[in-house]
Amino acid sequence: MTDDKPVRISVELPAAVHRDLVACAQVLGRTTGQTAPDPSKLIVPMIERFMATDRAFAKARRDRAAQAAGGSAEKSG
């Protein structure tokens, strides 16, 4: 069974990346007509989107799943 409990991590960002993250939050706030979100709250959706659209990661994940499925079928057969 997979554990879906969130994991807390601490990340040190370069100052330039943090400035860009703050600017991104401000742009998002302006485009939605709402208060700019906390920049740190943008990190998880950005990582999720990156992994969802990264073709090399998707291929490696599929290959790994196929190997695991093939390996378990060989062991049980």
PDB file of N, CA and C in Angstrom:
ATOM      1  N   MET A   1       0.838  -1.180   0.000  1.00  0.00           N
ATOM      2  CA  MET A   1       0.000   0.000   0.000  1.00  0.00           C
ATOM      3  C   MET A   1       0.886   1.247   0.000  1.00  0.00           C
ATOM      4  N   THR A   2       0.538   2.213  -0.814  1.00  0.00           N
ATOM      5  CA  THR A   2       1.313   3.437  -0.934  1.00  0.00           C
ATOM      6  C   THR A   2       0.939   4.405   0.177  1.00  0.00           C
ATOM      7  N   ASP A   3       1.940   5.018   0.796  1.00  0.00           N
ATOM      8  CA  ASP A   3       1.715   6.023   1.833  1.00  0.00           C
ATOM      9  C   ASP A   3       1.565   7.378   1.159  1.00  0.00           C
ATOM     10  N   ASP A   4       0.400   8.012   1.294  1.00  0.00           N
ATOM     11  CA  ASP A   4       0.149   9.315   0.673  1.00  0.00           C
ATOM     12  C   ASP A   4       0.285  10.465   1.659  1.00  0.00           C
ATOM     13  N   LYS A   5       0.930  10.217   2.777  1.00  0.00           N
ATOM     14  CA  LYS A   5       1.134  11.269   3.766  1.00  0.00           C
ATOM     15  C   LYS A   5       2.131  12.281   3.186  1.00  0.00           C
ATOM     16  N   PRO A   6       1.806  13.581   3.227  1.00  0.00           N
ATOM     17  CA  PRO A   6       2.740  14.590   2.713  1.00  0.00           C
ATOM     18  C   PRO A   6       4.083  14.523   3.439  1.00  0.00           C
ATOM     19  N   VAL A   7       5.127  14.871   2.712  1.00  0.00           N
ATOM     20  CA  VAL A   7       6.482  14.877   3.243  1.00  0.00           C
ATOM     21  C   VAL A   7       6.967  16.319   3.280  1.00  0.00           C
ATOM     22  N   ARG A   8       7.428  16.744   4.420  1.00  0.00           N
ATOM     23  CA  ARG A   8       7.934  18.121   4.565  1.00  0.00           C
ATOM     24  C   ARG A   8       9.420  18.123   4.245  1.00  0.00           C
ATOM     25  N   ILE A   9       9.822  19.031   3.368  1.00  0.00           N
ATOM     26  CA  ILE A   9      11.241  19.172   3.044  1.00  0.00           C
ATOM     27  C   ILE A   9      11.629  20.643   3.163  1.00  0.00           C
ATOM     28  N   SER A  10      12.895  20.858   3.303  1.00  0.00           N
ATOM     29  CA  SER A  10      13.431  22.211   3.354  1.00  0.00           C
ATOM     30  C   SER A  10      14.347  22.378   2.147  1.00  0.00           C
ATOM     31  N   VAL A  11      14.151  23.472   1.408  1.00  0.00           N
ATOM     32  CA  VAL A  11      14.923  23.692   0.191  1.00  0.00           C
ATOM     33  C   VAL A  11      15.573  25.065   0.259  1.00  0.00           C
ATOM     34  N   GLU A  12      16.829  25.114  -0.106  1.00  0.00           N
ATOM     35  CA  GLU A  12      17.530  26.389  -0.189  1.00  0.00           C
ATOM     36  C   GLU A  12      17.554  26.808  -1.647  1.00  0.00           C
ATOM     37  N   LEU A  13      16.925  27.952  -1.952  1.00  0.00           N
ATOM     38  CA  LEU A  13      16.866  28.455  -3.326  1.00  0.00           C
ATOM     39  C   LEU A  13      17.908  29.537  -3.542  1.00  0.00           C
ATOM     40  N   PRO A  14      18.501  29.569  -4.716  1.00  0.00           N
ATOM     41  CA  PRO A  14      19.348  30.715  -5.040  1.00  0.00           C
ATOM     42  C   PRO A  14      18.489  31.980  -5.011  1.00  0.00           C
ATOM     43  N   ALA A  15      19.095  33.098  -4.633  1.00  0.00           N
ATOM     44  CA  ALA A  15      18.360  34.359  -4.513  1.00  0.00           C
ATOM     45  C   ALA A  15      17.650  34.721  -5.813  1.00  0.00           C
ATOM     46  N   ALA A  16      18.287  34.492  -6.947  1.00  0.00           N
ATOM     47  CA  ALA A  16      17.679  34.833  -8.234  1.00  0.00           C
ATOM     48  C   ALA A  16      16.424  34.000  -8.493  1.00  0.00           C
ATOM     49  N   VAL A  17      16.455  32.728  -8.111  1.00  0.00           N
ATOM     50  CA  VAL A  17      15.290  31.867  -8.293  1.00  0.00           C
ATOM     51  C   VAL A  17      14.154  32.347  -7.385  1.00  0.00           C
ATOM     52  N   HIS A  18      14.486  32.720  -6.158  1.00  0.00           N
ATOM     53  CA  HIS A  18      13.460  33.230  -5.245  1.00  0.00           C
ATOM     54  C   HIS A  18      12.839  34.518  -5.786  1.00  0.00           C
ATOM     55  N   ARG A  19      13.671  35.401  -6.301  1.00  0.00           N
ATOM     56  CA  ARG A  19      13.129  36.639  -6.889  1.00  0.00           C
ATOM     57  C   ARG A  19      12.189  36.322  -8.041  1.00  0.00           C
ATOM     58  N   ASP A  20      12.567  35.365  -8.877  1.00  0.00           N
ATOM     59  CA  ASP A  20      11.693  34.973  -9.990  1.00  0.00           C
ATOM     60  C   ASP A  20      10.399  34.347  -9.476  1.00  0.00           C
ATOM     61  N   LEU A  21      10.472  33.583  -8.417  1.00  0.00           N
ATOM     62  CA  LEU A  21       9.287  32.971  -7.841  1.00  0.00           C
ATOM     63  C   LEU A  21       8.343  34.040  -7.280  1.00  0.00           C
ATOM     64  N   VAL A  22       8.900  35.043  -6.622  1.00  0.00           N
ATOM     65  CA  VAL A  22       8.097  36.165  -6.105  1.00  0.00           C
ATOM     66  C   VAL A  22       7.454  36.913  -7.268  1.00  0.00           C
ATOM     67  N   ALA A  23       8.225  37.170  -8.324  1.00  0.00           N
ATOM     68  CA  ALA A  23       7.685  37.863  -9.501  1.00  0.00           C
ATOM     69  C   ALA A  23       6.579  37.033 -10.149  1.00  0.00           C
ATOM     70  N   CYS A  24       6.759  35.744 -10.209  1.00  0.00           N
ATOM     71  CA  CYS A  24       5.744  34.854 -10.781  1.00  0.00           C
ATOM     72  C   CYS A  24       4.452  34.934  -9.966  1.00  0.00           C
ATOM     73  N   ALA A  25       4.570  34.927  -8.654  1.00  0.00           N
ATOM     74  CA  ALA A  25       3.387  35.035  -7.788  1.00  0.00           C
ATOM     75  C   ALA A  25       2.676  36.360  -8.015  1.00  0.00           C
ATOM     76  N   GLN A  26       3.448  37.435  -8.176  1.00  0.00           N
ATOM     77  CA  GLN A  26       2.844  38.752  -8.420  1.00  0.00           C
ATOM     78  C   GLN A  26       2.116  38.788  -9.761  1.00  0.00           C
ATOM     79  N   VAL A  27       2.715  38.219 -10.781  1.00  0.00           N
ATOM     80  CA  VAL A  27       2.076  38.166 -12.106  1.00  0.00           C
ATOM     81  C   VAL A  27       0.800  37.337 -12.021  1.00  0.00           C
ATOM     82  N   LEU A  28       0.868  36.207 -11.343  1.00  0.00           N
ATOM     83  CA  LEU A  28      -0.307  35.357 -11.184  1.00  0.00           C
ATOM     84  C   LEU A  28      -1.427  36.113 -10.467  1.00  0.00           C
ATOM     85  N   GLY A  29      -1.069  36.844  -9.435  1.00  0.00           N
ATOM     86  CA  GLY A  29      -2.060  37.639  -8.711  1.00  0.00           C
ATOM     87  C   GLY A  29      -2.707  38.688  -9.606  1.00  0.00           C
ATOM     88  N   ARG A  30      -1.885  39.364 -10.410  1.00  0.00           N
ATOM     89  CA  ARG A  30      -2.434  40.387 -11.321  1.00  0.00           C
ATOM     90  C   ARG A  30      -3.326  39.767 -12.381  1.00  0.00           C
ATOM     91  N   THR A  31      -2.914  38.650 -12.956  1.00  0.00           N
ATOM     92  CA  THR A  31      -3.694  38.057 -14.043  1.00  0.00           C
ATOM     93  C   THR A  31      -5.002  37.454 -13.551  1.00  0.00           C
ATOM     94  N   THR A  32      -5.044  37.035 -12.278  1.00  0.00           N
ATOM     95  CA  THR A  32      -6.284  36.468 -11.741  1.00  0.00           C
ATOM     96  C   THR A  32      -7.128  37.515 -11.036  1.00  0.00           C
ATOM     97  N   GLY A  33      -6.564  38.717 -10.832  1.00  0.00           N
ATOM     98  CA  GLY A  33      -7.290  39.770 -10.125  1.00  0.00           C
ATOM     99  C   GLY A  33      -7.394  39.507  -8.637  1.00  0.00           C
ATOM    100  N   GLN A  34      -6.532  38.642  -8.128  1.00  0.00           N
ATOM    101  CA  GLN A  34      -6.548  38.302  -6.704  1.00  0.00           C
ATOM    102  C   GLN A  34      -5.234  38.718  -6.063  1.00  0.00           C
ATOM    103  N   THR A  35      -5.172  38.548  -4.769  1.00  0.00           N
ATOM    104  CA  THR A  35      -3.926  38.807  -4.050  1.00  0.00           C
ATOM    105  C   THR A  35      -2.879  37.810  -4.524  1.00  0.00           C
ATOM    106  N   ALA A  36      -1.656  38.275  -4.649  1.00  0.00           N
ATOM    107  CA  ALA A  36      -0.570  37.381  -5.061  1.00  0.00           C
ATOM    108  C   ALA A  36      -0.446  36.250  -4.041  1.00  0.00           C
ATOM    109  N   PRO A  37      -0.349  34.999  -4.525  1.00  0.00           N
ATOM    110  CA  PRO A  37      -0.203  33.878  -3.592  1.00  0.00           C
ATOM    111  C   PRO A  37       1.179  33.878  -2.943  1.00  0.00           C
ATOM    112  N   ASP A  38       1.299  33.157  -1.854  1.00  0.00           N
ATOM    113  CA  ASP A  38       2.590  32.962  -1.202  1.00  0.00           C
ATOM    114  C   ASP A  38       3.484  32.247  -2.217  1.00  0.00           C
ATOM    115  N   PRO A  39       4.630  32.823  -2.565  1.00  0.00           N
ATOM    116  CA  PRO A  39       5.493  32.197  -3.571  1.00  0.00           C
ATOM    117  C   PRO A  39       5.838  30.741  -3.264  1.00  0.00           C
ATOM    118  N   SER A  40       5.993  30.413  -1.995  1.00  0.00           N
ATOM    119  CA  SER A  40       6.351  29.030  -1.659  1.00  0.00           C
ATOM    120  C   SER A  40       5.233  28.048  -2.022  1.00  0.00           C
ATOM    121  N   LYS A  41       4.001  28.536  -2.111  1.00  0.00           N
ATOM    122  CA  LYS A  41       2.867  27.673  -2.473  1.00  0.00           C
ATOM    123  C   LYS A  41       2.863  27.343  -3.969  1.00  0.00           C
ATOM    124  N   LEU A  42       3.698  28.007  -4.748  1.00  0.00           N
ATOM    125  CA  LEU A  42       3.773  27.745  -6.187  1.00  0.00           C
ATOM    126  C   LEU A  42       4.720  26.596  -6.520  1.00  0.00           C
ATOM    127  N   ILE A  43       5.587  26.253  -5.602  1.00  0.00           N
ATOM    128  CA  ILE A  43       6.632  25.272  -5.887  1.00  0.00           C
ATOM    129  C   ILE A  43       6.060  23.897  -6.207  1.00  0.00           C
ATOM    130  N   VAL A  44       5.137  23.397  -5.393  1.00  0.00           N
ATOM    131  CA  VAL A  44       4.592  22.053  -5.615  1.00  0.00           C
ATOM    132  C   VAL A  44       3.864  21.969  -6.960  1.00  0.00           C
ATOM    133  N   PRO A  45       2.946  22.910  -7.280  1.00  0.00           N
ATOM    134  CA  PRO A  45       2.301  22.807  -8.592  1.00  0.00           C
ATOM    135  C   PRO A  45       3.291  22.908  -9.762  1.00  0.00           C
ATOM    136  N   MET A  46       4.351  23.689  -9.585  1.00  0.00           N
ATOM    137  CA  MET A  46       5.358  23.799 -10.645  1.00  0.00           C
ATOM    138  C   MET A  46       6.088  22.472 -10.840  1.00  0.00           C
ATOM    139  N   ILE A  47       6.443  21.825  -9.747  1.00  0.00           N
ATOM    140  CA  ILE A  47       7.136  20.530  -9.844  1.00  0.00           C
ATOM    141  C   ILE A  47       6.201  19.485 -10.437  1.00  0.00           C
ATOM    142  N   GLU A  48       4.932  19.483  -9.988  1.00  0.00           N
ATOM    143  CA  GLU A  48       3.968  18.529 -10.538  1.00  0.00           C
ATOM    144  C   GLU A  48       3.811  18.715 -12.045  1.00  0.00           C
ATOM    145  N   ARG A  49       3.702  19.956 -12.479  1.00  0.00           N
ATOM    146  CA  ARG A  49       3.541  20.226 -13.913  1.00  0.00           C
ATOM    147  C   ARG A  49       4.792  19.813 -14.681  1.00  0.00           C
ATOM    148  N   PHE A  50       5.958  20.120 -14.123  1.00  0.00           N
ATOM    149  CA  PHE A  50       7.206  19.746 -14.779  1.00  0.00           C
ATOM    150  C   PHE A  50       7.277  18.233 -14.979  1.00  0.00           C
ATOM    151  N   MET A  51       6.991  17.486 -13.923  1.00  0.00           N
ATOM    152  CA  MET A  51       7.082  16.032 -14.039  1.00  0.00           C
ATOM    153  C   MET A  51       6.009  15.474 -14.969  1.00  0.00           C
ATOM    154  N   ALA A  52       4.835  16.099 -14.989  1.00  0.00           N
ATOM    155  CA  ALA A  52       3.758  15.619 -15.857  1.00  0.00           C
ATOM    156  C   ALA A  52       4.066  15.862 -17.332  1.00  0.00           C
ATOM    157  N   THR A  53       4.883  16.860 -17.627  1.00  0.00           N
ATOM    158  CA  THR A  53       5.158  17.201 -19.027  1.00  0.00           C
ATOM    159  C   THR A  53       6.562  16.808 -19.477  1.00  0.00           C
ATOM    160  N   ASP A  54       7.381  16.266 -18.580  1.00  0.00           N
ATOM    161  CA  ASP A  54       8.744  15.875 -18.933  1.00  0.00           C
ATOM    162  C   ASP A  54       8.721  14.517 -19.620  1.00  0.00           C
ATOM    163  N   ARG A  55       8.982  14.475 -20.901  1.00  0.00           N
ATOM    164  CA  ARG A  55       8.895  13.234 -21.682  1.00  0.00           C
ATOM    165  C   ARG A  55       9.906  12.187 -21.239  1.00  0.00           C
ATOM    166  N   ALA A  56      11.113  12.618 -20.933  1.00  0.00           N
ATOM    167  CA  ALA A  56      12.139  11.655 -20.507  1.00  0.00           C
ATOM    168  C   ALA A  56      11.742  11.006 -19.187  1.00  0.00           C
ATOM    169  N   PHE A  57      11.195  11.784 -18.261  1.00  0.00           N
ATOM    170  CA  PHE A  57      10.751  11.236 -16.987  1.00  0.00           C
ATOM    171  C   PHE A  57       9.595  10.265 -17.205  1.00  0.00           C
ATOM    172  N   ALA A  58       8.633  10.642 -18.042  1.00  0.00           N
ATOM    173  CA  ALA A  58       7.479   9.777 -18.308  1.00  0.00           C
ATOM    174  C   ALA A  58       7.932   8.450 -18.919  1.00  0.00           C
ATOM    175  N   LYS A  59       8.877   8.510 -19.848  1.00  0.00           N
ATOM    176  CA  LYS A  59       9.374   7.288 -20.490  1.00  0.00           C
ATOM    177  C   LYS A  59      10.098   6.404 -19.469  1.00  0.00           C
ATOM    178  N   ALA A  60      10.948   7.010 -18.661  1.00  0.00           N
ATOM    179  CA  ALA A  60      11.675   6.245 -17.656  1.00  0.00           C
ATOM    180  C   ALA A  60      10.711   5.611 -16.654  1.00  0.00           C
ATOM    181  N   ARG A  61       9.674   6.326 -16.306  1.00  0.00           N
ATOM    182  CA  ARG A  61       8.683   5.800 -15.364  1.00  0.00           C
ATOM    183  C   ARG A  61       7.920   4.623 -15.976  1.00  0.00           C
ATOM    184  N   ARG A  62       7.533   4.759 -17.265  1.00  0.00           N
ATOM    185  CA  ARG A  62       6.849   3.659 -17.962  1.00  0.00           C
ATOM    186  C   ARG A  62       7.758   2.441 -18.056  1.00  0.00           C
ATOM    187  N   ASP A  63       9.027   2.674 -18.422  1.00  0.00           N
ATOM    188  CA  ASP A  63       9.979   1.569 -18.543  1.00  0.00           C
ATOM    189  C   ASP A  63      10.165   0.860 -17.207  1.00  0.00           C
ATOM    190  N   ARG A  64      10.251   1.624 -16.149  1.00  0.00           N
ATOM    191  CA  ARG A  64      10.429   1.050 -14.813  1.00  0.00           C
ATOM    192  C   ARG A  64       9.194   0.235 -14.417  1.00  0.00           C
ATOM    193  N   ALA A  65       8.008   0.762 -14.705  1.00  0.00           N
ATOM    194  CA  ALA A  65       6.775   0.036 -14.389  1.00  0.00           C
ATOM    195  C   ALA A  65       6.688  -1.255 -15.198  1.00  0.00           C
ATOM    196  N   ALA A  66       7.089  -1.189 -16.470  1.00  0.00           N
ATOM    197  CA  ALA A  66       7.055  -2.380 -17.325  1.00  0.00           C
ATOM    198  C   ALA A  66       8.045  -3.425 -16.815  1.00  0.00           C
ATOM    199  N   GLN A  67       9.214  -2.987 -16.400  1.00  0.00           N
ATOM    200  CA  GLN A  67      10.206  -3.926 -15.869  1.00  0.00           C
ATOM    201  C   GLN A  67       9.704  -4.566 -14.584  1.00  0.00           C
ATOM    202  N   ALA A  68       9.071  -3.767 -13.724  1.00  0.00           N
ATOM    203  CA  ALA A  68       8.545  -4.304 -12.460  1.00  0.00           C
ATOM    204  C   ALA A  68       7.430  -5.303 -12.738  1.00  0.00           C
ATOM    205  N   ALA A  69       6.567  -4.992 -13.689  1.00  0.00           N
ATOM    206  CA  ALA A  69       5.468  -5.904 -14.029  1.00  0.00           C
ATOM    207  C   ALA A  69       6.021  -7.185 -14.665  1.00  0.00           C
ATOM    208  N   GLY A  70       6.999  -7.038 -15.538  1.00  0.00           N
ATOM    209  CA  GLY A  70       7.613  -8.208 -16.175  1.00  0.00           C
ATOM    210  C   GLY A  70       8.366  -9.054 -15.190  1.00  0.00           C
ATOM    211  N   GLY A  71       9.061  -8.414 -14.288  1.00  0.00           N
ATOM    212  CA  GLY A  71       9.822  -9.148 -13.282  1.00  0.00           C
ATOM    213  C   GLY A  71       8.923  -9.916 -12.334  1.00  0.00           C
ATOM    214  N   SER A  72       7.801  -9.306 -11.941  1.00  0.00           N
ATOM    215  CA  SER A  72       6.906 -10.006 -11.017  1.00  0.00           C
ATOM    216  C   SER A  72       6.181 -11.140 -11.718  1.00  0.00           C
ATOM    217  N   ALA A  73       5.910 -10.985 -13.018  1.00  0.00           N
ATOM    218  CA  ALA A  73       5.256 -12.063 -13.763  1.00  0.00           C
ATOM    219  C   ALA A  73       6.198 -13.259 -13.909  1.00  0.00           C
ATOM    220  N   GLU A  74       7.500 -12.972 -14.111  1.00  0.00           N
ATOM    221  CA  GLU A  74       8.467 -14.058 -14.246  1.00  0.00           C
ATOM    222  C   GLU A  74       8.633 -14.805 -12.922  1.00  0.00           C
ATOM    223  N   LYS A  75       8.602 -14.065 -11.809  1.00  0.00           N
ATOM    224  CA  LYS A  75       8.777 -14.694 -10.514  1.00  0.00           C
ATOM    225  C   LYS A  75       7.595 -15.567 -10.160  1.00  0.00           C
ATOM    226  N   SER A  76       6.384 -15.137 -10.566  1.00  0.00           N
ATOM    227  CA  SER A  76       5.205 -15.925 -10.188  1.00  0.00           C
ATOM    228  C   SER A  76       4.961 -17.076 -11.155  1.00  0.00           C
ATOM    229  N   GLY A  77       5.621 -17.066 -12.320  1.00  0.00           N
ATOM    230  CA  GLY A  77       5.338 -18.084 -13.340  1.00  0.00           C
ATOM    231  C   GLY A  77       6.262 -19.187 -13.359  1.00  0.00           C
TER     232      GLY A  77
END
